[in-house]
Amino acid sequence: MSIETLIHEWRQSIKENAKAKSDAEYLREFRKSKKAILMQEAQSKGIKTGQERESYAYAHDEYIELLEGLRVAVEKAESFRCRMILAEKRVNIWQTKQASARKEQSMYGA
């Protein structure tokens, strides 16, 4: 793969990477709101203690579904992060090879 192709793919991934990261962060924060919503729902159903309401919220299907969405979002964000690191490393290797080639050429007076 040429360096130009690599850099082009890297640039194309920036927006998607940012979206994946923002989705994961949003779901992390929304998880707190969802817990509060479900705890209020539990209270309206007559569940009295805070511990029981919290257990209700954590065991609720909607909360578990949100956690699954968070898992997927974090996985996607991490995958993009690793791809970006790998691309950066490949660019660094290319730069090192170019610098070595220039040095070698200068040693032979080319």
N, C-alpha and C. Protein backbone atom coordinates (compact mmCIF):
# COMPACT_ATOMS: atom_id res chain seq x y z
N MET A 1 0.85 -1.18 0.00
CA MET A 1 0.00 0.00 0.00
C MET A 1 0.89 1.23 0.00
N SER A 2 0.57 2.17 -0.87
CA SER A 2 1.38 3.39 -0.94
C SER A 2 1.06 4.29 0.25
N ILE A 3 2.00 5.17 0.54
CA ILE A 3 1.81 6.10 1.65
C ILE A 3 0.65 7.04 1.38
N GLU A 4 0.46 7.40 0.10
CA GLU A 4 -0.64 8.29 -0.26
C GLU A 4 -1.99 7.62 0.02
N THR A 5 -2.08 6.34 -0.32
CA THR A 5 -3.31 5.59 -0.06
C THR A 5 -3.57 5.48 1.43
N LEU A 6 -2.52 5.21 2.18
CA LEU A 6 -2.63 5.09 3.63
C LEU A 6 -3.12 6.40 4.25
N ILE A 7 -2.51 7.50 3.83
CA ILE A 7 -2.91 8.80 4.38
C ILE A 7 -4.34 9.14 3.96
N HIS A 8 -4.71 8.81 2.73
CA HIS A 8 -6.08 9.05 2.27
C HIS A 8 -7.08 8.27 3.14
N GLU A 9 -6.80 6.99 3.38
CA GLU A 9 -7.69 6.18 4.22
C GLU A 9 -7.74 6.72 5.64
N TRP A 10 -6.61 7.18 6.12
CA TRP A 10 -6.53 7.75 7.45
C TRP A 10 -7.44 8.98 7.53
N ARG A 11 -7.35 9.84 6.56
CA ARG A 11 -8.19 11.04 6.55
C ARG A 11 -9.67 10.68 6.45
N GLN A 12 -9.99 9.69 5.63
CA GLN A 12 -11.37 9.27 5.46
C GLN A 12 -11.95 8.69 6.75
N SER A 13 -11.11 8.15 7.60
CA SER A 13 -11.57 7.52 8.84
C SER A 13 -11.79 8.50 9.98
N ILE A 14 -11.31 9.71 9.84
CA ILE A 14 -11.36 10.67 10.95
C ILE A 14 -12.80 10.91 11.41
N LYS A 15 -13.69 11.20 10.49
CA LYS A 15 -15.08 11.50 10.86
C LYS A 15 -15.76 10.28 11.49
N GLU A 16 -15.54 9.12 10.90
CA GLU A 16 -16.13 7.90 11.44
C GLU A 16 -15.57 7.57 12.82
N ASN A 17 -14.28 7.81 13.00
CA ASN A 17 -13.64 7.60 14.29
C ASN A 17 -14.24 8.53 15.34
N ALA A 18 -14.41 9.79 14.98
CA ALA A 18 -14.99 10.76 15.92
C ALA A 18 -16.42 10.38 16.28
N LYS A 19 -17.19 9.90 15.31
CA LYS A 19 -18.58 9.48 15.57
C LYS A 19 -18.61 8.30 16.53
N ALA A 20 -17.75 7.32 16.29
CA ALA A 20 -17.71 6.14 17.17
C ALA A 20 -17.35 6.55 18.60
N LYS A 21 -16.40 7.44 18.72
CA LYS A 21 -15.99 7.88 20.06
C LYS A 21 -17.10 8.68 20.74
N SER A 22 -17.76 9.56 19.98
CA SER A 22 -18.84 10.36 20.58
C SER A 22 -20.04 9.49 20.95
N ASP A 23 -20.33 8.47 20.14
CA ASP A 23 -21.42 7.55 20.48
C ASP A 23 -21.13 6.83 21.79
N ALA A 24 -19.90 6.36 21.95
CA ALA A 24 -19.53 5.66 23.18
C ALA A 24 -19.64 6.59 24.38
N GLU A 25 -19.16 7.81 24.24
CA GLU A 25 -19.22 8.77 25.35
C GLU A 25 -20.67 9.13 25.69
N TYR A 26 -21.49 9.33 24.67
CA TYR A 26 -22.90 9.64 24.88
C TYR A 26 -23.57 8.51 25.67
N LEU A 27 -23.34 7.28 25.26
CA LEU A 27 -23.97 6.15 25.94
C LEU A 27 -23.47 6.01 27.38
N ARG A 28 -22.20 6.32 27.61
CA ARG A 28 -21.69 6.30 29.00
C ARG A 28 -22.47 7.27 29.87
N GLU A 29 -22.69 8.46 29.34
CA GLU A 29 -23.40 9.48 30.10
C GLU A 29 -24.90 9.18 30.19
N PHE A 30 -25.48 8.70 29.10
CA PHE A 30 -26.90 8.40 29.10
C PHE A 30 -27.23 7.26 30.07
N ARG A 31 -26.26 6.38 30.28
CA ARG A 31 -26.45 5.26 31.22
C ARG A 31 -26.88 5.80 32.60
N LYS A 32 -26.30 6.90 33.02
CA LYS A 32 -26.65 7.50 34.31
C LYS A 32 -28.10 8.00 34.30
N SER A 33 -28.47 8.65 33.20
CA SER A 33 -29.85 9.14 33.08
C SER A 33 -30.83 7.98 33.06
N LYS A 34 -30.49 6.93 32.31
CA LYS A 34 -31.38 5.78 32.20
C LYS A 34 -31.58 5.13 33.57
N LYS A 35 -30.52 5.04 34.34
CA LYS A 35 -30.63 4.48 35.68
C LYS A 35 -31.58 5.32 36.52
N ALA A 36 -31.45 6.63 36.46
CA ALA A 36 -32.32 7.51 37.23
C ALA A 36 -33.77 7.38 36.78
N ILE A 37 -33.99 7.30 35.47
CA ILE A 37 -35.35 7.14 34.94
C ILE A 37 -35.97 5.84 35.44
N LEU A 38 -35.20 4.78 35.38
CA LEU A 38 -35.71 3.47 35.81
C LEU A 38 -35.92 3.43 37.33
N MET A 39 -35.09 4.13 38.08
CA MET A 39 -35.29 4.18 39.53
C MET A 39 -36.57 4.94 39.86
N GLN A 40 -36.87 5.99 39.11
CA GLN A 40 -38.14 6.71 39.31
C GLN A 40 -39.32 5.83 38.94
N GLU A 41 -39.16 5.07 37.87
CA GLU A 41 -40.21 4.13 37.46
C GLU A 41 -40.45 3.10 38.57
N ALA A 42 -39.38 2.62 39.16
CA ALA A 42 -39.50 1.65 40.25
C ALA A 42 -40.23 2.25 41.43
N GLN A 43 -39.91 3.51 41.72
CA GLN A 43 -40.57 4.19 42.84
C GLN A 43 -42.06 4.32 42.57
N SER A 44 -42.42 4.65 41.33
CA SER A 44 -43.84 4.80 41.00
C SER A 44 -44.58 3.45 41.05
N LYS A 45 -43.82 2.37 40.95
CA LYS A 45 -44.41 1.03 41.06
C LYS A 45 -44.47 0.55 42.51
N GLY A 46 -44.05 1.42 43.42
CA GLY A 46 -44.16 1.09 44.83
C GLY A 46 -42.93 0.46 45.45
N ILE A 47 -41.84 0.41 44.71
CA ILE A 47 -40.59 -0.12 45.28
C ILE A 47 -40.01 0.98 46.16
N LYS A 48 -39.84 0.66 47.43
CA LYS A 48 -39.59 1.70 48.41
C LYS A 48 -38.13 2.08 48.62
N THR A 49 -37.26 1.14 48.84
CA THR A 49 -35.88 1.51 49.22
C THR A 49 -35.04 1.84 47.99
N GLY A 50 -34.04 2.66 48.23
CA GLY A 50 -33.13 3.04 47.17
C GLY A 50 -32.40 1.85 46.59
N GLN A 51 -32.02 0.93 47.45
CA GLN A 51 -31.30 -0.26 46.99
C GLN A 51 -32.18 -1.13 46.09
N GLU A 52 -33.43 -1.26 46.45
CA GLU A 52 -34.36 -2.04 45.61
C GLU A 52 -34.60 -1.35 44.27
N ARG A 53 -34.72 -0.01 44.30
CA ARG A 53 -34.92 0.73 43.06
C ARG A 53 -33.69 0.62 42.15
N GLU A 54 -32.54 0.68 42.78
CA GLU A 54 -31.30 0.54 42.01
C GLU A 54 -31.20 -0.86 41.39
N SER A 55 -31.53 -1.87 42.16
CA SER A 55 -31.53 -3.24 41.64
C SER A 55 -32.51 -3.38 40.48
N TYR A 56 -33.66 -2.77 40.63
CA TYR A 56 -34.67 -2.78 39.56
C TYR A 56 -34.09 -2.17 38.29
N ALA A 57 -33.44 -1.01 38.44
CA ALA A 57 -32.88 -0.30 37.28
C ALA A 57 -31.80 -1.13 36.60
N TYR A 58 -30.88 -1.67 37.38
CA TYR A 58 -29.77 -2.44 36.81
C TYR A 58 -30.25 -3.73 36.13
N ALA A 59 -31.31 -4.30 36.61
CA ALA A 59 -31.81 -5.56 36.05
C ALA A 59 -32.80 -5.34 34.91
N HIS A 60 -33.20 -4.11 34.69
CA HIS A 60 -34.22 -3.81 33.68
C HIS A 60 -33.69 -4.11 32.27
N ASP A 61 -34.55 -4.64 31.43
CA ASP A 61 -34.17 -4.97 30.04
C ASP A 61 -33.64 -3.76 29.28
N GLU A 62 -34.23 -2.60 29.49
CA GLU A 62 -33.79 -1.40 28.78
C GLU A 62 -32.37 -1.00 29.19
N TYR A 63 -32.05 -1.17 30.47
CA TYR A 63 -30.70 -0.84 30.94
C TYR A 63 -29.69 -1.82 30.36
N ILE A 64 -30.05 -3.08 30.36
CA ILE A 64 -29.16 -4.11 29.81
C ILE A 64 -28.95 -3.88 28.31
N GLU A 65 -30.00 -3.49 27.62
CA GLU A 65 -29.90 -3.18 26.19
C GLU A 65 -28.97 -1.98 25.96
N LEU A 66 -29.08 -0.97 26.82
CA LEU A 66 -28.20 0.18 26.73
C LEU A 66 -26.74 -0.24 26.94
N LEU A 67 -26.49 -1.12 27.89
CA LEU A 67 -25.14 -1.62 28.13
C LEU A 67 -24.59 -2.35 26.91
N GLU A 68 -25.45 -3.11 26.25
CA GLU A 68 -25.02 -3.82 25.04
C GLU A 68 -24.66 -2.80 23.96
N GLY A 69 -25.45 -1.76 23.81
CA GLY A 69 -25.13 -0.70 22.86
C GLY A 69 -23.82 -0.02 23.21
N LEU A 70 -23.58 0.20 24.48
CA LEU A 70 -22.33 0.80 24.94
C LEU A 70 -21.16 -0.11 24.61
N ARG A 71 -21.33 -1.39 24.82
CA ARG A 71 -20.27 -2.36 24.50
C ARG A 71 -19.90 -2.28 23.02
N VAL A 72 -20.90 -2.26 22.17
CA VAL A 72 -20.68 -2.19 20.72
C VAL A 72 -19.99 -0.87 20.35
N ALA A 73 -20.44 0.23 20.94
CA ALA A 73 -19.87 1.54 20.63
C ALA A 73 -18.41 1.63 21.08
N VAL A 74 -18.11 1.12 22.25
CA VAL A 74 -16.73 1.14 22.74
C VAL A 74 -15.85 0.25 21.87
N GLU A 75 -16.36 -0.90 21.49
CA GLU A 75 -15.61 -1.80 20.62
C GLU A 75 -15.28 -1.11 19.29
N LYS A 76 -16.25 -0.44 18.72
CA LYS A 76 -16.05 0.26 17.45
C LYS A 76 -15.03 1.39 17.62
N ALA A 77 -15.17 2.16 18.69
CA ALA A 77 -14.25 3.27 18.94
C ALA A 77 -12.83 2.76 19.14
N GLU A 78 -12.68 1.68 19.87
CA GLU A 78 -11.35 1.11 20.10
C GLU A 78 -10.75 0.55 18.82
N SER A 79 -11.59 -0.05 17.99
CA SER A 79 -11.12 -0.57 16.72
C SER A 79 -10.58 0.58 15.86
N PHE A 80 -11.30 1.68 15.80
CA PHE A 80 -10.83 2.83 15.05
C PHE A 80 -9.56 3.40 15.65
N ARG A 81 -9.50 3.47 16.95
CA ARG A 81 -8.31 4.01 17.62
C ARG A 81 -7.09 3.17 17.26
N CYS A 82 -7.25 1.86 17.30
CA CYS A 82 -6.13 0.97 16.96
C CYS A 82 -5.74 1.10 15.49
N ARG A 83 -6.73 1.25 14.62
CA ARG A 83 -6.43 1.45 13.20
C ARG A 83 -5.66 2.74 12.99
N MET A 84 -6.02 3.78 13.70
CA MET A 84 -5.32 5.05 13.57
C MET A 84 -3.89 4.93 14.08
N ILE A 85 -3.70 4.23 15.17
CA ILE A 85 -2.34 4.03 15.71
C ILE A 85 -1.51 3.23 14.72
N LEU A 86 -2.09 2.19 14.16
CA LEU A 86 -1.38 1.37 13.19
C LEU A 86 -1.00 2.20 11.96
N ALA A 87 -1.91 3.01 11.48
CA ALA A 87 -1.61 3.86 10.33
C ALA A 87 -0.49 4.83 10.67
N GLU A 88 -0.53 5.40 11.86
CA GLU A 88 0.52 6.32 12.29
C GLU A 88 1.87 5.62 12.34
N LYS A 89 1.89 4.41 12.85
CA LYS A 89 3.14 3.64 12.90
C LYS A 89 3.67 3.36 11.50
N ARG A 90 2.76 3.03 10.59
CA ARG A 90 3.19 2.76 9.22
C ARG A 90 3.76 4.01 8.56
N VAL A 91 3.18 5.17 8.85
CA VAL A 91 3.72 6.43 8.32
C VAL A 91 5.10 6.67 8.92
N ASN A 92 5.27 6.41 10.20
CA ASN A 92 6.57 6.59 10.85
C ASN A 92 7.63 5.68 10.21
N ILE A 93 7.25 4.44 9.94
CA ILE A 93 8.18 3.52 9.29
C ILE A 93 8.56 4.04 7.91
N TRP A 94 7.57 4.51 7.16
CA TRP A 94 7.83 5.06 5.83
C TRP A 94 8.78 6.25 5.93
N GLN A 95 8.54 7.14 6.91
CA GLN A 95 9.41 8.31 7.07
C GLN A 95 10.84 7.89 7.40
N THR A 96 10.98 6.89 8.25
CA THR A 96 12.31 6.40 8.61
C THR A 96 13.02 5.83 7.40
N LYS A 97 12.30 5.05 6.61
CA LYS A 97 12.89 4.49 5.39
C LYS A 97 13.32 5.60 4.44
N GLN A 98 12.49 6.63 4.29
CA GLN A 98 12.83 7.74 3.41
C GLN A 98 14.08 8.47 3.90
N ALA A 99 14.15 8.69 5.21
CA ALA A 99 15.32 9.37 5.78
C ALA A 99 16.57 8.53 5.60
N SER A 100 16.44 7.22 5.78
CA SER A 100 17.59 6.33 5.60
C SER A 100 18.06 6.33 4.15
N ALA A 101 17.10 6.34 3.23
CA ALA A 101 17.45 6.36 1.80
C ALA A 101 18.17 7.67 1.45
N ARG A 102 17.69 8.78 2.00
CA ARG A 102 18.33 10.06 1.73
C ARG A 102 19.75 10.08 2.28
N LYS A 103 19.91 9.55 3.46
CA LYS A 103 21.25 9.52 4.08
C LYS A 103 22.19 8.65 3.27
N GLU A 104 21.68 7.50 2.83
CA GLU A 104 22.50 6.59 2.03
C GLU A 104 22.90 7.27 0.71
N GLN A 105 21.98 7.95 0.09
CA GLN A 105 22.28 8.65 -1.16
C GLN A 105 23.33 9.74 -0.94
N SER A 106 23.22 10.46 0.16
CA SER A 106 24.19 11.53 0.43
C SER A 106 25.58 10.96 0.70
N MET A 107 25.65 9.76 1.24
CA MET A 107 26.94 9.14 1.52
C MET A 107 27.65 8.75 0.22
N TYR A 108 26.89 8.45 -0.80
CA TYR A 108 27.48 8.06 -2.09
C TYR A 108 27.54 9.22 -3.06
N GLY A 109 27.19 10.40 -2.59
CA GLY A 109 27.27 11.58 -3.42
C GLY A 109 26.26 11.64 -4.54
N ALA A 110 25.15 10.97 -4.35
CA ALA A 110 24.13 10.96 -5.40
C ALA A 110 23.25 12.16 -5.34
